[in-house]
Amino acid sequence: MNPQNVDAFILANNKFFRDYQISTIRNLLLNTDDSKWPLVQSMQFKDPTISLILSILVGTLGIDRFFIGDIGLGIGKLITCGGGGIWTVIDWFFIMGATKDKNQQKLQSLL
């Protein structure tokens, strides 16, 4: 892919990935053929800030985990009311990272 397009993609979407993942993502995109570029540009990533807000507001119901695609963990949080609240508080600190990891997995599965 064109390095300028890749850099523009990284600048526009860097908040959706962890900082240490950016160089890996850049290398993956540079080594991908041009036919996948329209698919990469049209991808919708989950916003880590939205997942944090959901975690704070309705985390005991597991909605934050459902939002990022962790259906099993969402059901677990729903059944246990967020692990009695403990799991909910822990997720306040980890949900943004989990969201960024899910975004990277989604991109890698496309490439």
C-alpha atoms as a PDB file:
ATOM      1  CA  MET A   1       0.000   0.000   0.000  1.00  0.00           C
ATOM      2  CA  ASN A   2       0.998   3.587  -0.460  1.00  0.00           C
ATOM      3  CA  PRO A   3       2.981   4.814   2.599  1.00  0.00           C
ATOM      4  CA  GLN A   4       1.168   8.167   2.527  1.00  0.00           C
ATOM      5  CA  ASN A   5      -2.232   6.453   2.698  1.00  0.00           C
ATOM      6  CA  VAL A   6      -1.024   4.216   5.513  1.00  0.00           C
ATOM      7  CA  ASP A   7       0.284   7.186   7.505  1.00  0.00           C
ATOM      8  CA  ALA A   8      -2.990   9.049   6.978  1.00  0.00           C
ATOM      9  CA  PHE A   9      -4.909   5.987   8.202  1.00  0.00           C
ATOM     10  CA  ILE A  10      -2.677   5.753  11.292  1.00  0.00           C
ATOM     11  CA  LEU A  11      -3.150   9.447  12.090  1.00  0.00           C
ATOM     12  CA  ALA A  12      -6.905   9.219  11.724  1.00  0.00           C
ATOM     13  CA  ASN A  13      -7.287   6.022  13.744  1.00  0.00           C
ATOM     14  CA  ASN A  14      -4.479   5.964  16.302  1.00  0.00           C
ATOM     15  CA  LYS A  15      -6.852   6.444  19.259  1.00  0.00           C
ATOM     16  CA  PHE A  16      -8.383   3.042  18.493  1.00  0.00           C
ATOM     17  CA  PHE A  17      -5.102   1.175  19.072  1.00  0.00           C
ATOM     18  CA  ARG A  18      -2.469   0.898  21.788  1.00  0.00           C
ATOM     19  CA  ASP A  19       0.654   2.972  21.246  1.00  0.00           C
ATOM     20  CA  TYR A  20       2.938  -0.037  20.966  1.00  0.00           C
ATOM     21  CA  GLN A  21       0.643  -1.577  18.312  1.00  0.00           C
ATOM     22  CA  ILE A  22       0.983   1.323  15.865  1.00  0.00           C
ATOM     23  CA  SER A  23       4.297   0.252  14.322  1.00  0.00           C
ATOM     24  CA  THR A  24       3.037  -3.314  13.861  1.00  0.00           C
ATOM     25  CA  ILE A  25      -0.156  -2.056  12.246  1.00  0.00           C
ATOM     26  CA  ARG A  26       1.818   0.244   9.964  1.00  0.00           C
ATOM     27  CA  ASN A  27       4.033  -2.641   8.817  1.00  0.00           C
ATOM     28  CA  LEU A  28       1.003  -4.877   8.239  1.00  0.00           C
ATOM     29  CA  LEU A  29      -0.671  -2.209   6.139  1.00  0.00           C
ATOM     30  CA  LEU A  30       2.458  -1.503   4.118  1.00  0.00           C
ATOM     31  CA  ASN A  31       2.851  -5.206   3.304  1.00  0.00           C
ATOM     32  CA  THR A  32      -0.797  -5.670   2.295  1.00  0.00           C
ATOM     33  CA  ASP A  33      -1.835  -5.541  -1.342  1.00  0.00           C
ATOM     34  CA  ASP A  34      -3.785  -2.568  -2.642  1.00  0.00           C
ATOM     35  CA  SER A  35      -6.956  -4.567  -3.241  1.00  0.00           C
ATOM     36  CA  LYS A  36      -7.695  -4.595   0.512  1.00  0.00           C
ATOM     37  CA  TRP A  37      -7.290  -0.841   0.934  1.00  0.00           C
ATOM     38  CA  PRO A  38     -11.006   0.008   0.382  1.00  0.00           C
ATOM     39  CA  LEU A  39     -11.941  -2.557   3.046  1.00  0.00           C
ATOM     40  CA  VAL A  40      -9.416  -1.116   5.498  1.00  0.00           C
ATOM     41  CA  GLN A  41     -10.692   2.413   4.934  1.00  0.00           C
ATOM     42  CA  SER A  42     -14.294   1.390   5.507  1.00  0.00           C
ATOM     43  CA  MET A  43     -13.649  -0.453   8.795  1.00  0.00           C
ATOM     44  CA  GLN A  44     -15.483   0.821  11.852  1.00  0.00           C
ATOM     45  CA  PHE A  45     -13.572   0.519  15.110  1.00  0.00           C
ATOM     46  CA  LYS A  46     -15.003   0.590  18.629  1.00  0.00           C
ATOM     47  CA  ASP A  47     -14.157   3.774  20.514  1.00  0.00           C
ATOM     48  CA  PRO A  48     -12.304   3.066  23.790  1.00  0.00           C
ATOM     49  CA  THR A  49     -13.793   6.181  25.389  1.00  0.00           C
ATOM     50  CA  ILE A  50     -17.330   4.990  24.659  1.00  0.00           C
ATOM     51  CA  SER A  51     -16.513   1.608  26.189  1.00  0.00           C
ATOM     52  CA  LEU A  52     -15.211   3.341  29.338  1.00  0.00           C
ATOM     53  CA  ILE A  53     -18.377   5.438  29.600  1.00  0.00           C
ATOM     54  CA  LEU A  54     -20.504   2.310  29.185  1.00  0.00           C
ATOM     55  CA  SER A  55     -18.393   0.550  31.806  1.00  0.00           C
ATOM     56  CA  ILE A  56     -18.911   3.344  34.302  1.00  0.00           C
ATOM     57  CA  LEU A  57     -22.644   3.729  33.662  1.00  0.00           C
ATOM     58  CA  VAL A  58     -23.867   0.183  32.992  1.00  0.00           C
ATOM     59  CA  GLY A  59     -20.833  -2.019  33.606  1.00  0.00           C
ATOM     60  CA  THR A  60     -22.640  -4.188  36.149  1.00  0.00           C
ATOM     61  CA  LEU A  61     -24.918  -5.351  33.330  1.00  0.00           C
ATOM     62  CA  GLY A  62     -21.970  -6.276  31.094  1.00  0.00           C
ATOM     63  CA  ILE A  63     -22.990  -3.876  28.349  1.00  0.00           C
ATOM     64  CA  ASP A  64     -19.402  -2.654  28.017  1.00  0.00           C
ATOM     65  CA  ARG A  65     -18.274  -6.196  27.206  1.00  0.00           C
ATOM     66  CA  PHE A  66     -21.156  -6.765  24.810  1.00  0.00           C
ATOM     67  CA  PHE A  67     -20.181  -3.494  23.079  1.00  0.00           C
ATOM     68  CA  ILE A  68     -16.656  -4.689  22.301  1.00  0.00           C
ATOM     69  CA  GLY A  69     -17.776  -8.171  21.291  1.00  0.00           C
ATOM     70  CA  ASP A  70     -16.894 -10.154  24.434  1.00  0.00           C
ATOM     71  CA  ILE A  71     -20.265 -11.891  24.575  1.00  0.00           C
ATOM     72  CA  GLY A  72     -19.200 -14.559  27.066  1.00  0.00           C
ATOM     73  CA  LEU A  73     -17.733 -12.019  29.481  1.00  0.00           C
ATOM     74  CA  GLY A  74     -20.792  -9.831  29.031  1.00  0.00           C
ATOM     75  CA  ILE A  75     -23.065 -12.689  30.000  1.00  0.00           C
ATOM     76  CA  GLY A  76     -20.828 -13.449  32.975  1.00  0.00           C
ATOM     77  CA  LYS A  77     -20.997  -9.860  34.173  1.00  0.00           C
ATOM     78  CA  LEU A  78     -24.741  -9.764  33.619  1.00  0.00           C
ATOM     79  CA  ILE A  79     -25.398 -12.953  35.599  1.00  0.00           C
ATOM     80  CA  THR A  80     -23.114 -11.965  38.498  1.00  0.00           C
ATOM     81  CA  CYS A  81     -24.053  -8.252  38.504  1.00  0.00           C
ATOM     82  CA  GLY A  82     -20.520  -7.348  37.589  1.00  0.00           C
ATOM     83  CA  GLY A  83     -19.007  -9.872  39.973  1.00  0.00           C
ATOM     84  CA  GLY A  84     -20.700  -8.181  42.884  1.00  0.00           C
ATOM     85  CA  GLY A  85     -19.348  -4.863  41.659  1.00  0.00           C
ATOM     86  CA  ILE A  86     -15.701  -5.912  41.885  1.00  0.00           C
ATOM     87  CA  TRP A  87     -15.432  -6.957  38.237  1.00  0.00           C
ATOM     88  CA  THR A  88     -17.112  -3.718  37.238  1.00  0.00           C
ATOM     89  CA  VAL A  89     -14.535  -1.588  39.055  1.00  0.00           C
ATOM     90  CA  ILE A  90     -11.662  -3.627  37.616  1.00  0.00           C
ATOM     91  CA  ASP A  91     -13.061  -3.097  34.120  1.00  0.00           C
ATOM     92  CA  TRP A  92     -12.985   0.667  34.631  1.00  0.00           C
ATOM     93  CA  PHE A  93      -9.210   0.355  34.426  1.00  0.00           C
ATOM     94  CA  PHE A  94      -8.941  -2.325  31.734  1.00  0.00           C
ATOM     95  CA  ILE A  95     -11.854  -1.851  29.328  1.00  0.00           C
ATOM     96  CA  MET A  96     -10.110   0.753  27.163  1.00  0.00           C
ATOM     97  CA  GLY A  97      -7.140  -1.551  26.616  1.00  0.00           C
ATOM     98  CA  ALA A  98      -9.445  -4.475  25.882  1.00  0.00           C
ATOM     99  CA  THR A  99     -11.264  -2.355  23.305  1.00  0.00           C
ATOM    100  CA  LYS A 100      -8.001  -1.396  21.601  1.00  0.00           C
ATOM    101  CA  ASP A 101      -6.908  -5.035  21.542  1.00  0.00           C
ATOM    102  CA  LYS A 102     -10.220  -6.045  19.929  1.00  0.00           C
ATOM    103  CA  ASN A 103      -9.747  -3.329  17.301  1.00  0.00           C
ATOM    104  CA  GLN A 104      -6.300  -4.669  16.440  1.00  0.00           C
ATOM    105  CA  GLN A 105      -7.641  -8.217  16.195  1.00  0.00           C
ATOM    106  CA  LYS A 106     -10.376  -7.003  13.867  1.00  0.00           C
ATOM    107  CA  LEU A 107      -7.843  -5.263  11.609  1.00  0.00           C
ATOM    108  CA  GLN A 108      -5.485  -8.216  11.599  1.00  0.00           C
ATOM    109  CA  SER A 109      -8.291 -10.616  10.688  1.00  0.00           C
ATOM    110  CA  LEU A 110      -9.068  -8.466   7.657  1.00  0.00           C
ATOM    111  CA  LEU A 111      -5.480  -8.362   6.526  1.00  0.00           C
END
